[in-house]
Amino acid sequence: FEGPAGVLTCNAKGAWRGEITCNPVPCGELLIPDATMEAGCSAVFGETCKVQCDDGYTLSDDSDDSYSCNVKGFWEGTANCIRKDCGDLVLPIANTKCKSSKFGSQCVARCPNGYDESKA
């Protein structure tokens, strides 16, 4: 046998005495960059918990949205949250300069000669 053991004894009345309490192995807190585990997940053996990416992040195409707590107390899964991509910034007249199009990035936009910048 594997796991914790308890001793139960057949007594003189022909009934079993003693007890054992079996609790699922805990996996502990799931730490994934830029993500959190769903509320209410008990994080113990046999539990599958959903992962939610933080604001501005999304799951990469090659990852799952859940992790499972295995028999040894380790999380199994492949959630990978990446910064959302806004795509190329295209403005009708203004010229733009961007280092990145990912969440949190900033671009500089300038009106060409002959145009004034209007504040919206």
Protein backbone atom coordinates (compact mmCIF):
# COMPACT_ATOMS: atom_id res chain seq x y z
CA PHE A 1 0.00 0.00 0.00
CA GLU A 2 0.99 3.63 -0.48
CA GLY A 3 0.03 6.67 1.55
CA PRO A 4 -0.75 7.17 5.23
CA ALA A 5 -1.92 4.18 7.21
CA GLY A 6 -4.24 3.71 10.15
CA VAL A 7 -4.84 0.61 12.22
CA LEU A 8 -8.39 -0.71 12.55
CA THR A 9 -9.02 -3.70 14.77
CA CYS A 10 -11.77 -6.30 14.72
CA ASN A 11 -13.02 -6.30 18.31
CA ALA A 12 -14.68 -9.03 20.41
CA LYS A 13 -18.13 -7.88 19.28
CA GLY A 14 -17.23 -8.47 15.65
CA ALA A 15 -17.06 -4.77 14.78
CA TRP A 16 -14.19 -2.70 13.50
CA ARG A 17 -12.70 -0.10 15.86
CA GLY A 18 -10.37 2.70 14.92
CA GLU A 19 -10.38 5.20 12.15
CA ILE A 20 -8.39 6.80 9.43
CA THR A 21 -9.10 10.09 7.76
CA CYS A 22 -7.84 10.47 4.21
CA ASN A 23 -7.36 14.02 2.97
CA PRO A 24 -6.33 14.99 -0.55
CA VAL A 25 -2.72 16.12 -0.96
CA PRO A 26 -2.48 19.93 -1.25
CA CYS A 27 -0.77 21.53 -4.24
CA GLY A 28 -0.48 24.96 -2.67
CA GLU A 29 -0.82 28.27 -4.41
CA LEU A 30 -0.53 28.28 -8.18
CA LEU A 31 1.89 31.01 -9.24
CA ILE A 32 1.74 31.99 -12.90
CA PRO A 33 3.09 35.32 -14.13
CA ASP A 34 0.34 37.76 -15.16
CA ALA A 35 -2.47 35.39 -14.11
CA THR A 36 -4.58 34.33 -11.16
CA MET A 37 -6.33 31.10 -10.21
CA GLU A 38 -10.14 31.11 -10.16
CA ALA A 39 -11.78 31.86 -6.84
CA GLY A 40 -13.01 28.80 -4.95
CA CYS A 41 -10.34 26.41 -6.19
CA SER A 42 -9.37 24.14 -3.28
CA ALA A 43 -5.90 23.40 -4.75
CA VAL A 44 -5.81 19.73 -3.68
CA PHE A 45 -5.21 16.41 -5.44
CA GLY A 46 -7.81 15.72 -8.10
CA GLU A 47 -8.83 19.37 -8.46
CA THR A 48 -8.66 21.13 -11.82
CA CYS A 49 -8.53 24.90 -11.56
CA LYS A 50 -9.10 27.52 -14.23
CA VAL A 51 -6.57 30.25 -14.78
CA GLN A 52 -7.53 33.78 -15.74
CA CYS A 53 -5.03 36.14 -17.32
CA ASP A 54 -4.69 39.59 -15.77
CA ASP A 55 -6.10 42.64 -17.57
CA GLY A 56 -4.09 43.38 -20.70
CA TYR A 57 -3.00 39.74 -21.07
CA THR A 58 -4.39 36.75 -22.95
CA LEU A 59 -3.59 33.04 -23.13
CA SER A 60 -1.03 32.13 -25.77
CA ASP A 61 -2.30 29.87 -28.54
CA ASP A 62 -0.27 26.88 -27.28
CA SER A 63 -1.49 26.92 -23.68
CA ASP A 64 -4.45 25.64 -21.66
CA ASP A 65 -6.69 27.66 -19.34
CA SER A 66 -6.51 25.15 -16.48
CA TYR A 67 -4.09 23.29 -14.20
CA SER A 68 -4.62 19.99 -12.37
CA CYS A 69 -3.24 19.06 -8.96
CA ASN A 70 -1.54 15.67 -9.31
CA VAL A 71 -1.12 12.79 -6.84
CA LYS A 72 2.33 14.09 -5.74
CA GLY A 73 1.00 17.58 -4.93
CA PHE A 74 2.33 19.34 -8.02
CA TRP A 75 0.44 21.42 -10.56
CA GLU A 76 0.25 20.15 -14.14
CA GLY A 77 -0.66 22.50 -16.96
CA THR A 78 0.65 24.92 -19.53
CA ALA A 79 -1.10 28.26 -19.06
CA ASN A 80 1.00 31.07 -20.48
CA CYS A 81 -0.37 34.61 -20.42
CA ILE A 82 1.08 37.02 -22.94
CA ARG A 83 0.52 40.74 -23.44
CA LYS A 84 -2.38 41.56 -25.74
CA ASP A 85 -1.40 42.98 -29.10
CA CYS A 86 -3.16 46.10 -30.41
CA GLY A 87 -1.80 45.56 -33.91
CA ASP A 88 -0.25 48.25 -36.08
CA LEU A 89 -1.33 51.81 -35.32
CA VAL A 90 -2.63 53.33 -38.52
CA LEU A 91 -3.91 56.91 -38.48
CA PRO A 92 -5.41 58.63 -41.53
CA ILE A 93 -2.97 61.55 -41.67
CA ALA A 94 -0.61 61.51 -38.68
CA ASN A 95 2.79 59.85 -38.73
CA THR A 96 3.39 57.33 -35.96
CA LYS A 97 6.44 55.85 -34.29
CA CYS A 98 5.99 52.76 -32.11
CA LYS A 99 8.50 50.48 -30.41
CA SER A 100 5.86 47.82 -29.80
CA SER A 101 2.15 47.19 -30.27
CA LYS A 102 1.79 45.15 -27.07
CA PHE A 103 -0.27 46.04 -23.99
CA GLY A 104 1.28 48.95 -22.09
CA SER A 105 3.31 50.23 -25.05
CA GLN A 106 3.04 53.82 -26.24
CA CYS A 107 3.33 55.34 -29.67
CA VAL A 108 4.19 58.89 -30.68
CA ALA A 109 1.94 60.43 -33.33
CA ARG A 110 2.77 63.67 -35.13
CA CYS A 111 0.79 65.68 -37.59
CA PRO A 112 2.64 66.41 -40.82
CA ASN A 113 3.43 69.95 -41.92
CA GLY A 114 0.30 71.87 -42.83
CA TYR A 115 -1.79 70.24 -40.07
CA ASP A 116 -2.47 71.31 -36.49
CA GLU A 117 -3.01 68.83 -33.69
CA SER A 118 -6.53 68.91 -32.34
CA LYS A 119 -7.18 67.74 -28.80
CA ALA A 120 -10.12 65.35 -28.49
